[in-house]
N, C-alpha and C. Protein backbone atom coordinates (compact mmCIF):
# COMPACT_ATOMS: atom_id res chain seq x y z
N MET A 1 10.27 -34.97 0.23
CA MET A 1 9.01 -34.32 0.52
C MET A 1 8.38 -34.92 1.79
N ALA A 2 8.51 -36.22 1.93
CA ALA A 2 7.95 -36.87 3.11
C ALA A 2 8.62 -36.38 4.38
N LEU A 3 9.93 -36.13 4.34
CA LEU A 3 10.65 -35.64 5.52
C LEU A 3 10.21 -34.23 5.89
N ILE A 4 9.87 -33.42 4.91
CA ILE A 4 9.38 -32.08 5.21
C ILE A 4 8.04 -32.18 5.94
N TYR A 5 7.15 -33.05 5.45
CA TYR A 5 5.86 -33.24 6.13
C TYR A 5 6.07 -33.79 7.54
N LEU A 6 7.00 -34.68 7.70
CA LEU A 6 7.29 -35.25 9.01
C LEU A 6 7.83 -34.17 9.96
N PHE A 7 8.72 -33.33 9.45
CA PHE A 7 9.25 -32.22 10.25
C PHE A 7 8.13 -31.29 10.70
N VAL A 8 7.26 -30.90 9.78
CA VAL A 8 6.16 -29.99 10.11
C VAL A 8 5.23 -30.63 11.14
N ALA A 9 4.94 -31.90 11.01
CA ALA A 9 4.07 -32.58 11.96
C ALA A 9 4.67 -32.58 13.36
N PHE A 10 5.96 -32.89 13.47
CA PHE A 10 6.60 -32.89 14.79
C PHE A 10 6.77 -31.49 15.34
N PHE A 11 7.09 -30.54 14.48
CA PHE A 11 7.24 -29.15 14.93
C PHE A 11 5.92 -28.61 15.46
N ALA A 12 4.82 -28.92 14.79
CA ALA A 12 3.52 -28.43 15.22
C ALA A 12 3.11 -29.00 16.57
N CYS A 13 3.62 -30.15 16.92
CA CYS A 13 3.28 -30.77 18.21
C CYS A 13 4.28 -30.45 19.31
N THR A 14 5.44 -29.91 18.98
CA THR A 14 6.47 -29.68 20.00
C THR A 14 6.84 -28.21 20.11
N TRP A 15 7.69 -27.70 19.25
CA TRP A 15 8.19 -26.33 19.35
C TRP A 15 7.20 -25.29 18.86
N GLY A 16 6.33 -25.64 17.94
CA GLY A 16 5.41 -24.68 17.34
C GLY A 16 4.60 -23.86 18.33
N PRO A 17 3.92 -24.50 19.28
CA PRO A 17 3.10 -23.73 20.22
C PRO A 17 3.89 -22.95 21.27
N ILE A 18 5.15 -23.23 21.44
CA ILE A 18 5.94 -22.60 22.50
C ILE A 18 5.96 -21.08 22.36
N GLY A 19 6.04 -20.60 21.15
CA GLY A 19 6.06 -19.15 20.92
C GLY A 19 4.78 -18.45 21.33
N TRP A 20 3.72 -19.21 21.54
CA TRP A 20 2.45 -18.63 21.96
C TRP A 20 2.17 -18.91 23.44
N ILE A 21 2.59 -20.04 23.93
CA ILE A 21 2.27 -20.42 25.31
C ILE A 21 3.23 -19.81 26.32
N TYR A 22 4.51 -19.98 26.10
CA TYR A 22 5.50 -19.53 27.09
C TYR A 22 5.44 -18.02 27.34
N PRO A 23 5.38 -17.18 26.30
CA PRO A 23 5.30 -15.74 26.57
C PRO A 23 4.07 -15.34 27.38
N SER A 24 2.95 -16.02 27.18
CA SER A 24 1.76 -15.67 27.95
C SER A 24 1.91 -16.01 29.43
N GLU A 25 2.83 -16.90 29.75
CA GLU A 25 3.06 -17.27 31.15
C GLU A 25 4.09 -16.38 31.83
N ILE A 26 5.07 -15.89 31.11
CA ILE A 26 6.19 -15.22 31.78
C ILE A 26 5.96 -13.73 32.02
N TYR A 27 5.01 -13.13 31.33
CA TYR A 27 4.76 -11.70 31.55
C TYR A 27 3.78 -11.50 32.69
N SER A 28 4.02 -10.45 33.48
CA SER A 28 3.09 -10.15 34.57
C SER A 28 1.77 -9.66 33.99
N THR A 29 0.73 -9.74 34.78
CA THR A 29 -0.59 -9.34 34.29
C THR A 29 -0.64 -7.86 33.94
N ARG A 30 0.20 -7.08 34.54
CA ARG A 30 0.23 -5.64 34.30
C ARG A 30 0.64 -5.31 32.86
N VAL A 31 1.55 -6.07 32.29
CA VAL A 31 2.07 -5.77 30.95
C VAL A 31 1.80 -6.88 29.93
N ARG A 32 1.04 -7.90 30.32
CA ARG A 32 0.87 -9.07 29.46
C ARG A 32 0.29 -8.73 28.09
N ALA A 33 -0.73 -7.90 28.01
CA ALA A 33 -1.37 -7.60 26.73
C ALA A 33 -0.40 -6.92 25.77
N LYS A 34 0.34 -5.94 26.26
CA LYS A 34 1.30 -5.23 25.41
C LYS A 34 2.44 -6.15 24.98
N CYS A 35 2.94 -6.94 25.91
CA CYS A 35 4.05 -7.84 25.58
C CYS A 35 3.62 -8.93 24.62
N MET A 36 2.42 -9.44 24.75
CA MET A 36 1.95 -10.46 23.82
C MET A 36 1.73 -9.89 22.43
N SER A 37 1.32 -8.62 22.35
CA SER A 37 1.18 -8.02 21.02
C SER A 37 2.54 -7.85 20.36
N ILE A 38 3.56 -7.48 21.13
CA ILE A 38 4.92 -7.38 20.60
C ILE A 38 5.45 -8.76 20.21
N THR A 39 5.19 -9.76 21.04
CA THR A 39 5.61 -11.12 20.74
C THR A 39 4.96 -11.63 19.46
N THR A 40 3.67 -11.39 19.30
CA THR A 40 2.96 -11.83 18.10
C THR A 40 3.49 -11.12 16.86
N ALA A 41 3.70 -9.80 16.97
CA ALA A 41 4.24 -9.04 15.84
C ALA A 41 5.63 -9.54 15.46
N SER A 42 6.45 -9.83 16.45
CA SER A 42 7.79 -10.35 16.18
C SER A 42 7.73 -11.71 15.50
N ASN A 43 6.85 -12.56 15.96
CA ASN A 43 6.69 -13.88 15.37
C ASN A 43 6.31 -13.76 13.89
N TRP A 44 5.34 -12.94 13.58
CA TRP A 44 4.92 -12.75 12.19
C TRP A 44 6.03 -12.12 11.36
N ALA A 45 6.74 -11.15 11.92
CA ALA A 45 7.81 -10.47 11.17
C ALA A 45 8.94 -11.45 10.83
N PHE A 46 9.36 -12.26 11.79
CA PHE A 46 10.43 -13.21 11.51
C PHE A 46 9.99 -14.31 10.55
N ASN A 47 8.73 -14.75 10.66
CA ASN A 47 8.22 -15.71 9.68
C ASN A 47 8.22 -15.12 8.28
N PHE A 48 7.87 -13.85 8.16
CA PHE A 48 7.87 -13.17 6.86
C PHE A 48 9.30 -13.10 6.31
N ILE A 49 10.25 -12.74 7.17
CA ILE A 49 11.65 -12.65 6.73
C ILE A 49 12.17 -14.01 6.28
N ILE A 50 11.85 -15.04 7.04
CA ILE A 50 12.29 -16.39 6.65
C ILE A 50 11.68 -16.79 5.32
N ALA A 51 10.40 -16.47 5.11
CA ALA A 51 9.74 -16.80 3.85
C ALA A 51 10.38 -16.07 2.67
N LEU A 52 10.91 -14.88 2.90
CA LEU A 52 11.58 -14.14 1.83
C LEU A 52 13.00 -14.63 1.58
N VAL A 53 13.69 -15.06 2.62
CA VAL A 53 15.11 -15.39 2.51
C VAL A 53 15.35 -16.83 2.07
N VAL A 54 14.50 -17.75 2.45
CA VAL A 54 14.75 -19.17 2.17
C VAL A 54 14.83 -19.50 0.68
N PRO A 55 13.91 -19.06 -0.17
CA PRO A 55 14.02 -19.44 -1.59
C PRO A 55 15.35 -19.05 -2.25
N PRO A 56 15.85 -17.81 -2.06
CA PRO A 56 17.16 -17.52 -2.64
C PRO A 56 18.30 -18.34 -2.03
N LEU A 57 18.19 -18.64 -0.73
CA LEU A 57 19.23 -19.45 -0.09
C LEU A 57 19.22 -20.87 -0.62
N ILE A 58 18.05 -21.43 -0.88
CA ILE A 58 17.98 -22.78 -1.45
C ILE A 58 18.65 -22.80 -2.83
N ASN A 59 18.42 -21.74 -3.61
CA ASN A 59 19.03 -21.68 -4.94
C ASN A 59 20.55 -21.52 -4.87
N SER A 60 21.04 -20.80 -3.87
CA SER A 60 22.47 -20.53 -3.83
C SER A 60 23.29 -21.58 -3.06
N ILE A 61 22.77 -22.08 -1.92
CA ILE A 61 23.57 -23.05 -1.15
C ILE A 61 22.90 -24.41 -1.04
N SER A 62 21.79 -24.60 -1.67
CA SER A 62 21.02 -25.85 -1.73
C SER A 62 20.98 -26.59 -0.39
N TRP A 63 21.60 -27.75 -0.29
CA TRP A 63 21.48 -28.57 0.91
C TRP A 63 22.13 -27.93 2.14
N GLY A 64 23.03 -26.98 1.96
CA GLY A 64 23.68 -26.31 3.09
C GLY A 64 22.70 -25.53 3.95
N LEU A 65 21.57 -25.15 3.36
CA LEU A 65 20.55 -24.44 4.12
C LEU A 65 20.03 -25.31 5.26
N TYR A 66 19.91 -26.59 5.02
CA TYR A 66 19.43 -27.49 6.07
C TYR A 66 20.43 -27.61 7.21
N MET A 67 21.72 -27.46 6.89
CA MET A 67 22.74 -27.43 7.96
C MET A 67 22.56 -26.18 8.83
N ILE A 68 22.22 -25.07 8.20
CA ILE A 68 21.97 -23.84 8.97
C ILE A 68 20.78 -24.04 9.89
N PHE A 69 19.69 -24.60 9.35
CA PHE A 69 18.51 -24.86 10.18
C PHE A 69 18.82 -25.85 11.29
N GLY A 70 19.60 -26.87 10.99
CA GLY A 70 20.00 -27.84 12.01
C GLY A 70 20.83 -27.20 13.10
N ALA A 71 21.78 -26.34 12.72
CA ALA A 71 22.60 -25.64 13.71
C ALA A 71 21.76 -24.73 14.58
N CYS A 72 20.80 -24.05 13.97
CA CYS A 72 19.90 -23.19 14.75
C CYS A 72 19.09 -24.03 15.74
N GLY A 73 18.64 -25.20 15.31
CA GLY A 73 17.90 -26.09 16.20
C GLY A 73 18.73 -26.55 17.38
N VAL A 74 19.99 -26.89 17.13
CA VAL A 74 20.88 -27.32 18.21
C VAL A 74 21.14 -26.18 19.18
N LEU A 75 21.41 -24.99 18.64
CA LEU A 75 21.63 -23.82 19.50
C LEU A 75 20.39 -23.48 20.32
N MET A 76 19.22 -23.61 19.70
CA MET A 76 17.97 -23.35 20.40
C MET A 76 17.79 -24.35 21.54
N PHE A 77 18.08 -25.62 21.29
CA PHE A 77 17.97 -26.64 22.33
C PHE A 77 18.89 -26.32 23.50
N ILE A 78 20.13 -25.96 23.22
CA ILE A 78 21.09 -25.65 24.28
C ILE A 78 20.63 -24.44 25.09
N PHE A 79 20.16 -23.41 24.40
CA PHE A 79 19.67 -22.21 25.09
C PHE A 79 18.50 -22.54 25.99
N VAL A 80 17.53 -23.26 25.47
CA VAL A 80 16.34 -23.58 26.26
C VAL A 80 16.70 -24.47 27.44
N TYR A 81 17.55 -25.45 27.22
CA TYR A 81 17.92 -26.38 28.29
C TYR A 81 18.60 -25.66 29.46
N PHE A 82 19.47 -24.70 29.16
CA PHE A 82 20.24 -24.07 30.22
C PHE A 82 19.66 -22.75 30.73
N PHE A 83 18.87 -22.04 29.94
CA PHE A 83 18.48 -20.68 30.32
C PHE A 83 16.98 -20.42 30.45
N VAL A 84 16.12 -21.33 30.03
CA VAL A 84 14.69 -21.09 30.12
C VAL A 84 14.12 -21.90 31.28
N PRO A 85 13.66 -21.23 32.32
CA PRO A 85 13.17 -21.96 33.49
C PRO A 85 11.82 -22.62 33.23
N GLU A 86 11.57 -23.70 33.94
CA GLU A 86 10.31 -24.44 33.83
C GLU A 86 9.23 -23.68 34.59
N THR A 87 8.06 -23.55 33.99
CA THR A 87 6.95 -22.85 34.63
C THR A 87 5.80 -23.78 35.01
N LYS A 88 5.96 -25.06 34.75
CA LYS A 88 4.89 -26.02 35.03
C LYS A 88 4.60 -26.08 36.54
N GLY A 89 3.32 -25.98 36.88
CA GLY A 89 2.91 -26.10 38.27
C GLY A 89 3.13 -24.86 39.12
N LYS A 90 3.53 -23.77 38.53
CA LYS A 90 3.77 -22.54 39.29
C LYS A 90 2.65 -21.54 39.03
N SER A 91 2.33 -20.76 40.04
CA SER A 91 1.31 -19.72 39.87
C SER A 91 1.92 -18.55 39.11
N LEU A 92 1.07 -17.67 38.60
CA LEU A 92 1.57 -16.51 37.86
C LEU A 92 2.44 -15.62 38.75
N GLU A 93 2.10 -15.55 40.03
CA GLU A 93 2.90 -14.75 40.96
C GLU A 93 4.30 -15.35 41.14
N GLN A 94 4.37 -16.68 41.24
CA GLN A 94 5.68 -17.34 41.38
C GLN A 94 6.51 -17.15 40.11
N ILE A 95 5.87 -17.23 38.95
CA ILE A 95 6.58 -17.02 37.69
C ILE A 95 7.08 -15.59 37.59
N ASP A 96 6.24 -14.64 38.00
CA ASP A 96 6.65 -13.23 37.98
C ASP A 96 7.87 -13.02 38.88
N HIS A 97 7.85 -13.63 40.04
CA HIS A 97 8.99 -13.53 40.97
C HIS A 97 10.23 -14.22 40.39
N MET A 98 10.03 -15.34 39.70
CA MET A 98 11.14 -16.09 39.12
C MET A 98 11.87 -15.26 38.05
N PHE A 99 11.12 -14.42 37.33
CA PHE A 99 11.72 -13.59 36.29
C PHE A 99 12.11 -12.21 36.79
N GLY A 100 12.15 -12.03 38.09
CA GLY A 100 12.67 -10.79 38.66
C GLY A 100 11.63 -9.75 38.97
N GLY A 101 10.36 -10.05 38.76
CA GLY A 101 9.31 -9.09 39.08
C GLY A 101 9.06 -9.06 40.57
N ARG A 102 8.54 -7.94 41.02
CA ARG A 102 8.25 -7.84 42.45
C ARG A 102 6.78 -8.08 42.73
N GLY A 103 5.94 -8.02 41.76
CA GLY A 103 4.52 -8.32 41.75
C GLY A 103 3.84 -8.66 43.04
N ASN A 104 2.92 -9.58 42.98
CA ASN A 104 2.04 -9.91 44.10
C ASN A 104 2.69 -10.82 45.14
N LEU A 105 3.75 -11.51 44.81
CA LEU A 105 4.36 -12.45 45.75
C LEU A 105 4.88 -11.72 46.98
N GLU A 106 5.52 -10.57 46.79
CA GLU A 106 6.03 -9.83 47.95
C GLU A 106 4.90 -9.27 48.78
N GLU A 107 3.80 -8.85 48.10
CA GLU A 107 2.67 -8.33 48.85
C GLU A 107 2.05 -9.42 49.72
N LYS A 108 2.00 -10.65 49.20
CA LYS A 108 1.45 -11.76 49.98
C LYS A 108 2.35 -12.10 51.16
N ASN A 109 3.68 -11.98 50.98
CA ASN A 109 4.60 -12.31 52.06
C ASN A 109 4.57 -11.26 53.16
N LYS A 110 4.19 -10.03 52.86
CA LYS A 110 4.13 -8.97 53.87
C LYS A 110 2.96 -9.16 54.81
N VAL A 111 1.89 -9.77 54.31
CA VAL A 111 0.67 -9.91 55.10
C VAL A 111 0.80 -10.97 56.14
């Protein structure tokens, strides 16, 4: 039980906020509101699915469920390390350009 509390404490300080912070940075201002609503709905939907699926999985595979969560964590780390660009210190226009948008950065370069 103590390890579960420890996991939740570390998750809340590290990965937990990422699902709310990173999407708000990567979408252009033109579509940010719509994309954040889709992101929020997806977050709630997947949390609901996990809440439904975990109890039967604990009953059927017991400790093996933690191996699945551990494997997902490792895969998530690899994906983020290699494919998610850093947005720290960049303006919204630079981030939009980094993700392939043509936004305001090109307009500023034309002037």
